[in-house]
Amino acid sequence: MALGALEKVRARDICSQNKTDSRYAALPSASLREEWNRLQEPREAKVMFIGAGACPVSAIKIAESASSEVLCVDIDEEAIRYGTDLARHLGLDDAFRYAKSHLSDLAFAASATHIFIASLVPEKLDILRELRPIFRADCRFVVRYGNGLKSLYNYPLDIDGLKDWRAEALNGAGSIYDTMIVSRP
């Protein structure tokens, strides 16, 4: 809840003071670079971010890249409003939009090249199960989580729950969360 409130303040601050960058974005951006490099970014990405929040740094960075279309998903209507305002402020209206549910735009989910699940989303395995019959065969999931000590700041992931998936751990030193790249076996 505290991070959600901080993101709303940060998004409002960026828009009201005409700012475009932030130290708040530095650590998540470094993690995203590592994840995106491992995924071998496609020329025309369609990316869904589940649990995007009001200041979705990773989603913004991908939307800024060439030929990327991004759908952010969040259950918090206030976060959606701030995130939409932030995207408009940054000139990303054409490549960036929000939805309230990962199942609200099934056409986008079915054509997504990548689906990110935020570390602050508790029901990660449920979302994977719900999307499994929908997403394209070559779609890759980036599941962020925090097990052990990192669970103080992130929701954990039951690794055993991924037995029906191909899963590759991607843990960067000093990262605030752990990452699992998940795809069809």
Protein backbone atom coordinates (compact mmCIF):
# COMPACT_ATOMS: atom_id res chain seq x y z
CA MET A 1 0.00 0.00 0.00
CA ALA A 2 2.86 2.35 0.83
CA LEU A 3 4.56 1.79 -2.53
CA GLY A 4 1.24 2.36 -4.31
CA ALA A 5 0.81 5.67 -2.50
CA LEU A 6 4.40 6.65 -3.31
CA GLU A 7 3.87 5.88 -7.00
CA LYS A 8 0.76 8.08 -7.10
CA VAL A 9 2.65 10.97 -5.51
CA ARG A 10 5.56 10.42 -7.91
CA ALA A 11 3.32 10.33 -11.01
CA ARG A 12 1.51 13.49 -9.87
CA ASP A 13 4.87 15.17 -9.15
CA ILE A 14 6.31 14.33 -12.57
CA CYS A 15 3.21 15.64 -14.35
CA SER A 16 2.81 18.81 -12.28
CA GLN A 17 6.46 19.87 -12.39
CA ASN A 18 7.02 18.91 -16.02
CA LYS A 19 9.69 16.37 -15.05
CA THR A 20 10.55 13.40 -17.25
CA ASP A 21 13.10 11.45 -15.24
CA SER A 22 13.55 10.24 -11.70
CA ARG A 23 15.98 8.54 -9.37
CA TYR A 24 12.98 6.43 -8.36
CA ALA A 25 13.22 4.80 -11.80
CA ALA A 26 16.93 3.92 -11.68
CA LEU A 27 16.86 0.54 -9.90
CA PRO A 28 13.79 -0.88 -11.66
CA SER A 29 15.21 0.36 -14.98
CA ALA A 30 18.45 -1.55 -14.37
CA SER A 31 16.46 -4.71 -13.61
CA LEU A 32 14.35 -4.19 -16.73
CA ARG A 33 17.45 -3.87 -18.93
CA GLU A 34 18.70 -7.22 -17.66
CA GLU A 35 15.29 -8.87 -18.16
CA TRP A 36 14.72 -7.31 -21.60
CA ASN A 37 18.21 -8.25 -22.80
CA ARG A 38 17.64 -11.86 -21.72
CA LEU A 39 14.35 -11.89 -23.61
CA GLN A 40 16.01 -10.63 -26.80
CA GLU A 41 13.59 -7.79 -27.44
CA PRO A 42 11.54 -8.35 -30.62
CA ARG A 43 11.18 -5.60 -33.21
CA GLU A 44 7.45 -5.17 -32.57
CA ALA A 45 6.66 -6.02 -28.98
CA LYS A 46 3.18 -6.20 -27.49
CA VAL A 47 3.68 -6.14 -23.75
CA MET A 48 1.16 -6.55 -20.94
CA PHE A 49 2.15 -5.39 -17.44
CA ILE A 50 -0.03 -6.87 -14.70
CA GLY A 51 0.13 -4.84 -11.49
CA ALA A 52 1.57 -1.79 -13.24
CA GLY A 53 0.69 0.81 -10.61
CA ALA A 54 0.55 4.58 -11.02
CA CYS A 55 4.18 5.07 -12.03
CA PRO A 56 4.99 2.00 -14.16
CA VAL A 57 8.67 2.63 -14.85
CA SER A 58 9.29 -0.64 -16.72
CA ALA A 59 6.19 -0.23 -18.89
CA ILE A 60 7.15 3.35 -19.72
CA LYS A 61 10.69 2.34 -20.69
CA ILE A 62 9.36 -0.35 -23.03
CA ALA A 63 6.70 1.95 -24.52
CA GLU A 64 9.44 4.47 -25.27
CA SER A 65 11.33 1.85 -27.28
CA ALA A 66 10.58 1.58 -30.99
CA SER A 67 7.50 -0.35 -32.09
CA SER A 68 6.31 -1.38 -28.64
CA GLU A 69 2.66 -1.39 -27.64
CA VAL A 70 2.00 -1.64 -23.90
CA LEU A 71 -1.13 -2.53 -21.97
CA CYS A 72 -0.85 -1.84 -18.25
CA VAL A 73 -3.21 -3.63 -15.90
CA ASP A 74 -4.07 -2.53 -12.38
CA ILE A 75 -7.07 -3.03 -10.11
CA ASP A 76 -6.61 0.39 -8.46
CA GLU A 77 -8.68 2.95 -10.39
CA GLU A 78 -6.70 5.85 -8.92
CA ALA A 79 -3.43 4.24 -10.08
CA ILE A 80 -4.95 3.82 -13.56
CA ARG A 81 -5.90 7.51 -13.64
CA TYR A 82 -2.43 8.67 -12.53
CA GLY A 83 -0.67 6.22 -14.85
CA THR A 84 -2.78 7.34 -17.81
CA ASP A 85 -2.04 11.00 -17.01
CA LEU A 86 1.67 10.19 -16.74
CA ALA A 87 1.67 8.40 -20.12
CA ARG A 88 -0.09 11.37 -21.71
CA HIS A 89 2.40 13.76 -20.09
CA LEU A 90 5.29 11.73 -21.52
CA GLY A 91 3.71 11.66 -24.99
CA LEU A 92 3.06 7.91 -24.98
CA ASP A 93 -0.69 8.04 -25.72
CA ASP A 94 -0.40 6.00 -28.93
CA ALA A 95 1.64 3.11 -27.49
CA PHE A 96 0.45 2.95 -23.90
CA ARG A 97 -2.90 2.34 -22.21
CA TYR A 98 -4.45 0.83 -19.07
CA ALA A 99 -7.06 -1.82 -18.30
CA LYS A 100 -8.58 -2.91 -15.00
CA SER A 101 -8.17 -6.67 -15.58
CA HIS A 102 -5.74 -8.93 -17.44
CA LEU A 103 -8.82 -10.62 -18.91
CA SER A 104 -10.54 -7.40 -20.07
CA ASP A 105 -8.71 -7.31 -23.43
CA LEU A 106 -8.45 -10.93 -24.54
CA ALA A 107 -7.36 -9.95 -28.07
CA PHE A 108 -4.34 -8.12 -26.64
CA ALA A 109 -3.55 -11.00 -24.25
CA ALA A 110 -3.71 -13.47 -27.14
CA SER A 111 -1.29 -11.42 -29.24
CA ALA A 112 1.12 -10.31 -26.47
CA THR A 113 4.79 -11.14 -27.01
CA HIS A 114 5.58 -10.60 -23.31
CA ILE A 115 3.54 -10.50 -20.13
CA PHE A 116 5.09 -9.06 -16.97
CA ILE A 117 3.62 -9.86 -13.57
CA ALA A 118 4.70 -7.35 -10.93
CA SER A 119 6.29 -8.40 -7.67
CA LEU A 120 3.40 -6.78 -5.78
CA VAL A 121 0.79 -9.06 -7.39
CA PRO A 122 -0.02 -11.86 -4.92
CA GLU A 123 -1.89 -14.27 -7.25
CA LYS A 124 0.86 -14.90 -9.83
CA LEU A 125 0.16 -18.62 -10.36
CA ASP A 126 -3.59 -17.98 -10.74
CA ILE A 127 -2.89 -15.41 -13.45
CA LEU A 128 -0.59 -17.83 -15.29
CA ARG A 129 -3.34 -20.49 -15.19
CA GLU A 130 -5.99 -18.03 -16.41
CA LEU A 131 -3.88 -16.82 -19.33
CA ARG A 132 -2.48 -20.22 -20.36
CA PRO A 133 -5.31 -21.11 -22.80
CA ILE A 134 -5.23 -17.61 -24.30
CA PHE A 135 -1.65 -16.50 -24.93
CA ARG A 136 0.37 -17.30 -28.05
CA ALA A 137 2.84 -20.17 -27.97
CA ASP A 138 5.96 -17.97 -28.11
CA CYS A 139 4.83 -15.50 -25.44
CA ARG A 140 7.23 -15.18 -22.52
CA PHE A 141 6.23 -14.22 -19.00
CA VAL A 142 8.47 -12.19 -16.73
CA VAL A 143 7.35 -12.99 -13.20
CA ARG A 144 8.78 -10.76 -10.50
CA TYR A 145 8.62 -11.96 -6.91
CA GLY A 146 10.44 -11.99 -3.60
CA ASN A 147 11.11 -15.16 -1.67
CA GLY A 148 12.99 -15.33 1.61
CA LEU A 149 14.07 -11.94 2.91
CA LYS A 150 12.83 -10.23 -0.27
CA SER A 151 9.28 -11.26 0.69
CA LEU A 152 9.32 -8.32 3.09
CA TYR A 153 8.90 -6.04 0.03
CA ASN A 154 7.39 -8.39 -2.58
CA TYR A 155 4.89 -11.21 -2.82
CA PRO A 156 6.58 -14.60 -2.95
CA LEU A 157 6.29 -17.20 -5.72
CA ASP A 158 5.72 -20.89 -5.13
CA ILE A 159 8.40 -22.21 -7.49
CA ASP A 160 6.91 -25.73 -7.27
CA GLY A 161 3.74 -24.31 -8.84
CA LEU A 162 5.68 -23.83 -12.10
CA LYS A 163 6.23 -27.56 -12.73
CA ASP A 164 4.09 -27.44 -15.92
CA TRP A 165 6.11 -24.53 -17.33
CA ARG A 166 9.62 -23.90 -18.59
CA ALA A 167 11.06 -21.57 -15.97
CA GLU A 168 14.44 -19.86 -15.84
CA ALA A 169 15.54 -17.89 -12.79
CA LEU A 170 17.09 -14.52 -13.50
CA ASN A 171 18.39 -13.07 -10.26
CA GLY A 172 20.45 -9.94 -10.50
CA ALA A 173 22.80 -9.05 -7.69
CA GLY A 174 21.38 -6.25 -5.59
CA SER A 175 17.92 -6.46 -7.16
CA ILE A 176 14.94 -5.55 -4.99
CA TYR A 177 13.04 -8.53 -6.38
CA ASP A 178 13.75 -11.87 -8.04
CA THR A 179 12.70 -12.67 -11.59
CA MET A 180 11.57 -15.86 -13.27
CA ILE A 181 11.22 -16.03 -17.06
CA VAL A 182 8.39 -18.46 -17.77
CA SER A 183 7.20 -19.95 -21.08
CA ARG A 184 5.40 -22.98 -22.47
CA PRO A 185 7.41 -26.22 -22.18
